Amino acid sequence: MLVPVLVSLVYREWYSALAFLIAAGITAVAGGVAYKLNENAPEPQRHHSMIIAALGWAVTALFGAIPFVLAAYITPSAVLESLVPAGANYQSSLLYFQNPLHAFFESMSGYTTTGLTMSIREPSVGHGFLWYRSQMQWIGGAGMIVLSLAILRQPHGTAGISLYQSEGRSEKLRPSIVGTARAIWKIYVGVTAAVAVYLAVATFVVQPGYGIENTIFDAINHAMTGQSTGGFSTLDDSIAGYDSYAMELVHIPAMITGAISIPVYWGVLSDRNIRDFTQNPQVRMLFGLLGVGVVVLTVFLARWVGVPYNGDPIGYVGRVVTSQAFRDGLFQYISAQTTTGWQTSAIGDWNNGAVMTIVLGAMLLGGSAGATVGGIKILRGYIIARGIRWEVTRVFLPQHAIEDLRIGQRTFKADEANDEIRAAATFAFTYLLLLATSLFVLLAVVPSEFTLADAIFEVATAQGTVGLSAGITGPGMPIVAEILFIFQMWMGRLEIVPVLALVNSIFRR
């Protein structure tokens, strides 16, 4: 929280700086006490690591909410009014955080890189909190436990492996877990810095009158929230706040880089071979899914906005490509597939076909395993698809024939293949079961003006840590729905199992 203190001081937001300082002190004291109490604790076993991960993320979000609550109460009304942009007719969104549940929601959304927000007017929270929200997502993207393994206490052996895997990671980049954690953070920092430079330069070119200070501030923040596929923005109405098609196109690469697996970057950099990128099955599937999905979503949106078809297919395609349908379809599908959640369109106004295209085609699956994305992950979908094809192929083979399964660069024997397919299918089933349960809960409390498609979209965006919204999420949403989304974001980021392990340990007592 010390970096947001500095940002607040730079922008002369004294009360925000004070809120961060007090919150940092409270967090430091609580952390020091917890460390002393557990200093001689034995190395955790696998189930302990799962419980530590679930509790760790929940407690981090809880302490992360403290600055929001403090600032909401200690900032005078006149100062809050000064945070509202000139000419705007609304109150500062900091006031919403006088409700501690809203603050906890914002913090959980930040650290889980979801992007759903109670700050419905982002610029009115001040530069310090805009930075803090981006920083939460950036840290949460790589993972708090990965960060801890890289710079804090260094457990070895099975303890380190279990902690590392508890955040949904499995691939090791270096022989040791600590080395792997440090390699992840080096790549993560490097790619984020490159994206920040790219966004700054591109903004200077596209919008030279935007101002140097605003350009640099936005570029750094959007690099953090883009690479973490978190989706918080410094602007009112997210990227739509630029009111520029060119700026929307500029931000598309910043979403895609976050959806590519970090081990892919590591392979390209360590081997100095671009084929590690072009031949990776997840990368190829990602770009294939984006291409097909953008076309399908554009078709649905073209009907919605009323692009007429007069019998000339070439002319019709030209009108569609230059229409609002393609503009929205391109940006929003990529935002959903990468689970970034930057928004440029009022999705709640779309037809049901367009809404369900994003849910079924993008948000459920998400991006690459090993990246910062949410969802079931492309790798699991790829394994299940290859597994189905493998099982069908085996039907036509002689009874005693041995058929290996090839997934990417790896070849699995029958028993190994069955284990991989079973693990992927079990997670996908559990994910969908949790989604269905959440949908029934939401339908019981959601206001009547929202459709079934809206409800499906909202539970999918929360659990997939996407952050796009059909309009349900906000300070006025039902308390039950808000608590539901907090649990979904928490479970979705940790891939469900650690939270179930925590619940199981509580009831076993």
Foldseek 3Di string as FASTA:
>chain_A
DVVLLVQCVVVVVNQLNVLVVVLVVVVVVVVVVVCVVCVPPDQDALLVLLQCQLVVLLVQLLSQLRSLLSSLPPPDQVSLVVQDDPPDDDTQLSVLSVPVLQSSLLSLLQLLLQAAHQRLAQSSVDLSVLQSSLVNLLDSLLHPLLVCCQPHDPDFDNSLQSNVCLQPDHDAPDPTSNVRSNLLVVLSVVQLVVQLVLQLVQCCVPPVPPDNVVSNSQSNSLSSLQLLLRARGNGNLFQLRVVDLSNLVSCLVSNVNQQDASVLVSCCVVVVDCCSQVQFPQNVVLVVLLVVLLVQLLVQVCVVVPQDDDPDVVVSVVDSCPDVSSSQSNRVLSLQQQLSAGHNDLLLPGDLSNLVSSLVSHLQAHGARNGSWFHLHPLLVQLLVQVVVVVVVVVPDPPPDWDWGDDRPDIHGPVRSVVSNVVSVVLSVVLVVLLVVLLVQCVVFFDPVGDSSQSSSVSSSLLRSRNHHNPQRYSPHDPSNSVSSSVSSSCRSSSNPSVVSNVVVVVVD
